[in-house]
Amino acid sequence: MNKEDKIDSVIGKSTSIDGDIKVSGSIKVDGKIEGNIHSKESALIGKDSAVKGNISCRSAVVGGKIQGNINAQEVIEFQSGAQMYGDIICKGLIVEKGVFFDGNCRMSQETKEKQ
């Protein structure tokens, strides 16, 4: 996420959501979500968060646990301690030491959204 980008929506630590979320900007998740996340901009998944569902976004920074697929138009960054159970599609990938990833990765110039 660029420093110029702003976070439009925040899901706090004590918040649990059961259902899909659509955001026209960026979203930061620190709580628990059981449902799909669609963000036209960035998705930031905090280190204490848990998401069960698919994520579609421009770019993603993941520090928590995801059980689902991520389709990013640009870069996905996995921070140390992140857990990913699912497949990812992106143009660029950053993986820090200490990340658990169980799934497949496809790096492509075109994401599913554009195909």
N, C-alpha and C. Protein backbone atom coordinates (compact mmCIF):
# COMPACT_ATOMS: atom_id res chain seq x y z
N MET A 1 0.84 -1.18 0.00
CA MET A 1 0.00 0.00 0.00
C MET A 1 0.88 1.23 0.00
N ASN A 2 0.58 2.16 -0.85
CA ASN A 2 1.33 3.40 -0.93
C ASN A 2 0.98 4.33 0.22
N LYS A 3 1.91 5.19 0.57
CA LYS A 3 1.66 6.13 1.66
C LYS A 3 0.56 7.11 1.30
N GLU A 4 0.34 7.32 -0.02
CA GLU A 4 -0.72 8.23 -0.45
C GLU A 4 -2.10 7.61 -0.27
N ASP A 5 -2.15 6.27 -0.22
CA ASP A 5 -3.43 5.58 -0.06
C ASP A 5 -3.96 5.81 1.35
N LYS A 6 -5.26 5.92 1.46
CA LYS A 6 -5.87 6.04 2.77
C LYS A 6 -6.75 4.83 3.02
N ILE A 7 -6.98 4.55 4.28
CA ILE A 7 -7.84 3.43 4.65
C ILE A 7 -9.26 3.97 4.79
N ASP A 8 -10.17 3.43 4.00
CA ASP A 8 -11.55 3.90 3.99
C ASP A 8 -12.42 3.19 5.02
N SER A 9 -12.13 1.91 5.29
CA SER A 9 -12.93 1.13 6.22
C SER A 9 -12.03 0.33 7.14
N VAL A 10 -12.42 0.25 8.42
CA VAL A 10 -11.65 -0.51 9.41
C VAL A 10 -12.59 -1.46 10.13
N ILE A 11 -12.18 -2.74 10.22
CA ILE A 11 -12.89 -3.74 11.00
C ILE A 11 -12.04 -3.96 12.25
N GLY A 12 -12.51 -3.50 13.40
CA GLY A 12 -11.73 -3.53 14.63
C GLY A 12 -11.52 -4.92 15.21
N LYS A 13 -10.58 -5.02 16.17
CA LYS A 13 -10.20 -6.30 16.79
C LYS A 13 -11.38 -7.03 17.42
N SER A 14 -12.28 -6.32 18.04
CA SER A 14 -13.39 -6.96 18.75
C SER A 14 -14.61 -7.19 17.85
N THR A 15 -14.45 -7.00 16.53
CA THR A 15 -15.57 -7.13 15.59
C THR A 15 -15.51 -8.46 14.85
N SER A 16 -16.67 -9.13 14.77
CA SER A 16 -16.83 -10.34 13.96
C SER A 16 -17.93 -10.09 12.95
N ILE A 17 -17.67 -10.41 11.70
CA ILE A 17 -18.66 -10.21 10.64
C ILE A 17 -18.91 -11.53 9.95
N ASP A 18 -20.18 -11.86 9.75
CA ASP A 18 -20.58 -13.05 9.02
C ASP A 18 -21.32 -12.57 7.78
N GLY A 19 -20.61 -12.50 6.66
CA GLY A 19 -21.20 -12.01 5.41
C GLY A 19 -20.14 -11.34 4.55
N ASP A 20 -20.50 -11.06 3.31
CA ASP A 20 -19.57 -10.47 2.36
C ASP A 20 -19.43 -8.97 2.59
N ILE A 21 -18.25 -8.44 2.24
CA ILE A 21 -17.96 -7.02 2.39
C ILE A 21 -17.49 -6.48 1.05
N LYS A 22 -18.06 -5.35 0.61
CA LYS A 22 -17.63 -4.67 -0.60
C LYS A 22 -17.25 -3.25 -0.22
N VAL A 23 -16.03 -2.84 -0.61
CA VAL A 23 -15.54 -1.51 -0.28
C VAL A 23 -15.04 -0.86 -1.57
N SER A 24 -15.41 0.40 -1.79
CA SER A 24 -14.96 1.08 -3.00
C SER A 24 -13.54 1.62 -2.85
N GLY A 25 -13.01 1.62 -1.63
CA GLY A 25 -11.64 2.08 -1.38
C GLY A 25 -10.82 0.98 -0.75
N SER A 26 -10.03 1.33 0.28
CA SER A 26 -9.18 0.38 0.99
C SER A 26 -9.84 -0.07 2.29
N ILE A 27 -9.46 -1.28 2.74
CA ILE A 27 -10.02 -1.82 3.98
C ILE A 27 -8.89 -2.38 4.85
N LYS A 28 -9.00 -2.18 6.15
CA LYS A 28 -8.08 -2.78 7.13
C LYS A 28 -8.90 -3.67 8.04
N VAL A 29 -8.47 -4.92 8.16
CA VAL A 29 -9.19 -5.90 8.98
C VAL A 29 -8.31 -6.29 10.16
N ASP A 30 -8.81 -6.04 11.36
CA ASP A 30 -8.13 -6.49 12.57
C ASP A 30 -8.99 -7.50 13.33
N GLY A 31 -10.23 -7.71 12.89
CA GLY A 31 -11.16 -8.62 13.54
C GLY A 31 -11.29 -9.92 12.78
N LYS A 32 -12.48 -10.53 12.89
CA LYS A 32 -12.75 -11.81 12.24
C LYS A 32 -13.87 -11.63 11.21
N ILE A 33 -13.65 -12.19 10.03
CA ILE A 33 -14.64 -12.12 8.96
C ILE A 33 -14.85 -13.50 8.39
N GLU A 34 -16.12 -13.89 8.30
CA GLU A 34 -16.49 -15.12 7.61
C GLU A 34 -17.33 -14.71 6.42
N GLY A 35 -16.67 -14.54 5.29
CA GLY A 35 -17.31 -14.05 4.08
C GLY A 35 -16.25 -13.50 3.15
N ASN A 36 -16.66 -13.15 1.95
CA ASN A 36 -15.73 -12.64 0.94
C ASN A 36 -15.51 -11.14 1.11
N ILE A 37 -14.31 -10.70 0.76
CA ILE A 37 -13.97 -9.27 0.81
C ILE A 37 -13.64 -8.82 -0.60
N HIS A 38 -14.30 -7.77 -1.05
CA HIS A 38 -14.00 -7.18 -2.36
C HIS A 38 -13.66 -5.71 -2.12
N SER A 39 -12.42 -5.35 -2.42
CA SER A 39 -11.95 -3.99 -2.25
C SER A 39 -11.39 -3.49 -3.57
N LYS A 40 -11.81 -2.31 -4.01
CA LYS A 40 -11.29 -1.77 -5.26
C LYS A 40 -9.85 -1.30 -5.10
N GLU A 41 -9.43 -1.11 -3.87
CA GLU A 41 -8.06 -0.66 -3.61
C GLU A 41 -7.32 -1.72 -2.80
N SER A 42 -6.72 -1.34 -1.67
CA SER A 42 -5.90 -2.25 -0.87
C SER A 42 -6.70 -2.98 0.21
N ALA A 43 -6.25 -4.19 0.53
CA ALA A 43 -6.79 -4.94 1.66
C ALA A 43 -5.64 -5.21 2.62
N LEU A 44 -5.77 -4.72 3.84
CA LEU A 44 -4.75 -4.93 4.87
C LEU A 44 -5.33 -5.86 5.91
N ILE A 45 -4.75 -7.03 6.06
CA ILE A 45 -5.23 -8.04 6.98
C ILE A 45 -4.25 -8.07 8.16
N GLY A 46 -4.67 -7.53 9.30
CA GLY A 46 -3.81 -7.38 10.47
C GLY A 46 -3.34 -8.69 11.07
N LYS A 47 -2.30 -8.62 11.89
CA LYS A 47 -1.65 -9.83 12.43
C LYS A 47 -2.55 -10.65 13.35
N ASP A 48 -3.54 -10.05 13.98
CA ASP A 48 -4.44 -10.79 14.88
C ASP A 48 -5.77 -11.13 14.22
N SER A 49 -5.90 -10.88 12.92
CA SER A 49 -7.18 -11.09 12.24
C SER A 49 -7.30 -12.50 11.67
N ALA A 50 -8.54 -12.88 11.36
CA ALA A 50 -8.82 -14.17 10.73
C ALA A 50 -9.91 -13.96 9.69
N VAL A 51 -9.65 -14.40 8.47
CA VAL A 51 -10.62 -14.28 7.38
C VAL A 51 -10.87 -15.65 6.80
N LYS A 52 -12.16 -16.06 6.75
CA LYS A 52 -12.58 -17.28 6.07
C LYS A 52 -13.40 -16.83 4.88
N GLY A 53 -12.76 -16.76 3.72
CA GLY A 53 -13.43 -16.30 2.52
C GLY A 53 -12.40 -15.82 1.51
N ASN A 54 -12.87 -15.50 0.34
CA ASN A 54 -11.99 -15.05 -0.74
C ASN A 54 -11.81 -13.54 -0.68
N ILE A 55 -10.64 -13.08 -1.11
CA ILE A 55 -10.34 -11.65 -1.13
C ILE A 55 -10.01 -11.25 -2.56
N SER A 56 -10.64 -10.19 -3.03
CA SER A 56 -10.39 -9.62 -4.34
C SER A 56 -10.02 -8.16 -4.12
N CYS A 57 -8.85 -7.74 -4.63
CA CYS A 57 -8.39 -6.37 -4.37
C CYS A 57 -7.34 -5.95 -5.39
N ARG A 58 -6.92 -4.69 -5.29
CA ARG A 58 -5.82 -4.20 -6.13
C ARG A 58 -4.50 -4.71 -5.59
N SER A 59 -4.30 -4.59 -4.26
CA SER A 59 -3.09 -5.10 -3.60
C SER A 59 -3.46 -5.52 -2.19
N ALA A 60 -2.64 -6.40 -1.59
CA ALA A 60 -2.93 -6.90 -0.25
C ALA A 60 -1.67 -6.98 0.59
N VAL A 61 -1.83 -6.68 1.88
CA VAL A 61 -0.79 -6.88 2.87
C VAL A 61 -1.41 -7.79 3.93
N VAL A 62 -0.82 -8.96 4.14
CA VAL A 62 -1.40 -9.96 5.03
C VAL A 62 -0.46 -10.25 6.19
N GLY A 63 -0.99 -10.08 7.41
CA GLY A 63 -0.23 -10.40 8.61
C GLY A 63 -0.92 -11.46 9.44
N GLY A 64 -2.20 -11.72 9.16
CA GLY A 64 -3.01 -12.65 9.94
C GLY A 64 -3.26 -13.96 9.22
N LYS A 65 -4.41 -14.58 9.51
CA LYS A 65 -4.75 -15.90 8.97
C LYS A 65 -5.87 -15.77 7.94
N ILE A 66 -5.65 -16.39 6.78
CA ILE A 66 -6.66 -16.39 5.72
C ILE A 66 -6.91 -17.82 5.29
N GLN A 67 -8.20 -18.19 5.25
CA GLN A 67 -8.63 -19.47 4.69
C GLN A 67 -9.52 -19.14 3.51
N GLY A 68 -8.91 -19.10 2.34
CA GLY A 68 -9.61 -18.70 1.12
C GLY A 68 -8.58 -18.27 0.09
N ASN A 69 -9.05 -17.80 -1.03
CA ASN A 69 -8.18 -17.40 -2.12
C ASN A 69 -8.03 -15.88 -2.16
N ILE A 70 -6.88 -15.43 -2.68
CA ILE A 70 -6.66 -14.00 -2.89
C ILE A 70 -6.40 -13.76 -4.37
N ASN A 71 -7.13 -12.83 -4.95
CA ASN A 71 -6.94 -12.41 -6.33
C ASN A 71 -6.61 -10.92 -6.29
N ALA A 72 -5.32 -10.59 -6.48
CA ALA A 72 -4.87 -9.20 -6.44
C ALA A 72 -4.40 -8.77 -7.82
N GLN A 73 -4.81 -7.58 -8.23
CA GLN A 73 -4.41 -7.06 -9.53
C GLN A 73 -2.93 -6.68 -9.55
N GLU A 74 -2.37 -6.40 -8.37
CA GLU A 74 -0.96 -6.00 -8.31
C GLU A 74 -0.18 -6.91 -7.37
N VAL A 75 0.26 -6.41 -6.22
CA VAL A 75 1.17 -7.13 -5.33
C VAL A 75 0.47 -7.66 -4.09
N ILE A 76 0.90 -8.85 -3.65
CA ILE A 76 0.49 -9.39 -2.35
C ILE A 76 1.74 -9.49 -1.50
N GLU A 77 1.65 -8.97 -0.27
CA GLU A 77 2.77 -9.04 0.67
C GLU A 77 2.34 -9.84 1.88
N PHE A 78 3.08 -10.89 2.19
CA PHE A 78 2.84 -11.68 3.39
C PHE A 78 3.88 -11.31 4.43
N GLN A 79 3.41 -10.81 5.57
CA GLN A 79 4.31 -10.41 6.64
C GLN A 79 4.59 -11.59 7.56
N SER A 80 5.68 -11.53 8.29
CA SER A 80 6.09 -12.60 9.19
C SER A 80 4.95 -12.97 10.14
N GLY A 81 4.67 -14.26 10.26
CA GLY A 81 3.58 -14.74 11.12
C GLY A 81 2.27 -14.98 10.39
N ALA A 82 2.17 -14.53 9.13
CA ALA A 82 0.94 -14.73 8.35
C ALA A 82 0.74 -16.21 8.05
N GLN A 83 -0.55 -16.61 7.97
CA GLN A 83 -0.92 -17.98 7.61
C GLN A 83 -1.90 -17.90 6.45
N MET A 84 -1.57 -18.57 5.36
CA MET A 84 -2.41 -18.54 4.17
C MET A 84 -2.76 -19.95 3.75
N TYR A 85 -4.05 -20.26 3.75
CA TYR A 85 -4.57 -21.56 3.33
C TYR A 85 -5.46 -21.32 2.11
N GLY A 86 -4.88 -21.37 0.94
CA GLY A 86 -5.64 -21.12 -0.28
C GLY A 86 -4.72 -20.70 -1.40
N ASP A 87 -5.31 -20.42 -2.54
CA ASP A 87 -4.56 -20.07 -3.74
C ASP A 87 -4.48 -18.55 -3.90
N ILE A 88 -3.41 -18.11 -4.55
CA ILE A 88 -3.26 -16.67 -4.81
C ILE A 88 -2.95 -16.44 -6.27
N ILE A 89 -3.45 -15.32 -6.78
CA ILE A 89 -3.15 -14.85 -8.12
C ILE A 89 -2.74 -13.39 -7.98
N CYS A 90 -1.57 -13.05 -8.53
CA CYS A 90 -1.08 -11.68 -8.41
C CYS A 90 -0.02 -11.42 -9.47
N LYS A 91 0.38 -10.15 -9.60
CA LYS A 91 1.48 -9.79 -10.49
C LYS A 91 2.82 -9.85 -9.76
N GLY A 92 2.81 -9.54 -8.46
CA GLY A 92 4.04 -9.53 -7.67
C GLY A 92 3.78 -10.13 -6.30
N LEU A 93 4.81 -10.74 -5.71
CA LEU A 93 4.65 -11.42 -4.43
C LEU A 93 5.85 -11.12 -3.53
N ILE A 94 5.55 -10.73 -2.29
CA ILE A 94 6.58 -10.50 -1.28
C ILE A 94 6.25 -11.42 -0.11
N VAL A 95 7.21 -12.26 0.28
CA VAL A 95 7.00 -13.19 1.39
C VAL A 95 8.14 -13.02 2.39
N GLU A 96 7.80 -12.58 3.59
CA GLU A 96 8.81 -12.45 4.64
C GLU A 96 9.07 -13.80 5.29
N LYS A 97 10.17 -13.91 5.99
CA LYS A 97 10.52 -15.11 6.73
C LYS A 97 9.46 -15.35 7.82
N GLY A 98 9.08 -16.61 8.02
CA GLY A 98 8.11 -16.95 9.06
C GLY A 98 6.66 -16.98 8.60
N VAL A 99 6.45 -17.06 7.29
CA VAL A 99 5.09 -17.13 6.73
C VAL A 99 4.76 -18.58 6.43
N PHE A 100 3.51 -19.00 6.75
CA PHE A 100 3.03 -20.34 6.39
C PHE A 100 2.09 -20.19 5.20
N PHE A 101 2.36 -20.91 4.12
CA PHE A 101 1.54 -20.83 2.91
C PHE A 101 1.22 -22.24 2.43
N ASP A 102 -0.06 -22.60 2.39
CA ASP A 102 -0.51 -23.90 1.91
C ASP A 102 -1.49 -23.64 0.77
N GLY A 103 -0.99 -23.68 -0.45
CA GLY A 103 -1.83 -23.41 -1.60
C GLY A 103 -0.99 -23.27 -2.85
N ASN A 104 -1.58 -22.73 -3.88
CA ASN A 104 -0.91 -22.52 -5.15
C ASN A 104 -0.79 -21.03 -5.44
N CYS A 105 0.25 -20.67 -6.17
CA CYS A 105 0.46 -19.29 -6.56
C CYS A 105 0.58 -19.21 -8.07
N ARG A 106 -0.15 -18.28 -8.66
CA ARG A 106 -0.02 -18.02 -10.09
C ARG A 106 0.27 -16.54 -10.26
N MET A 107 1.40 -16.26 -10.85
CA MET A 107 1.76 -14.87 -11.11
C MET A 107 1.51 -14.61 -12.58
N SER A 108 0.70 -13.61 -12.84
CA SER A 108 0.26 -13.35 -14.20
C SER A 108 0.13 -11.85 -14.42
N GLN A 109 0.26 -11.45 -15.66
CA GLN A 109 0.04 -10.04 -15.99
C GLN A 109 -1.45 -9.70 -15.98
N GLU A 110 -2.29 -10.73 -16.08
CA GLU A 110 -3.73 -10.52 -16.04
C GLU A 110 -4.34 -11.32 -14.91
N THR A 111 -5.18 -10.67 -14.11
CA THR A 111 -5.88 -11.35 -13.02
C THR A 111 -7.23 -11.83 -13.52
N LYS A 112 -7.90 -12.64 -12.72
CA LYS A 112 -9.21 -13.19 -13.12
C LYS A 112 -10.21 -12.09 -13.44
N GLU A 113 -10.13 -10.97 -12.70
CA GLU A 113 -11.06 -9.87 -12.90
C GLU A 113 -10.96 -9.30 -14.31
N LYS A 114 -9.75 -9.30 -14.89
CA LYS A 114 -9.55 -8.74 -16.23
C LYS A 114 -9.80 -9.75 -17.32
N GLN A 115 -9.73 -11.06 -17.01
CA GLN A 115 -9.86 -12.10 -18.05
C GLN A 115 -11.30 -12.25 -18.51
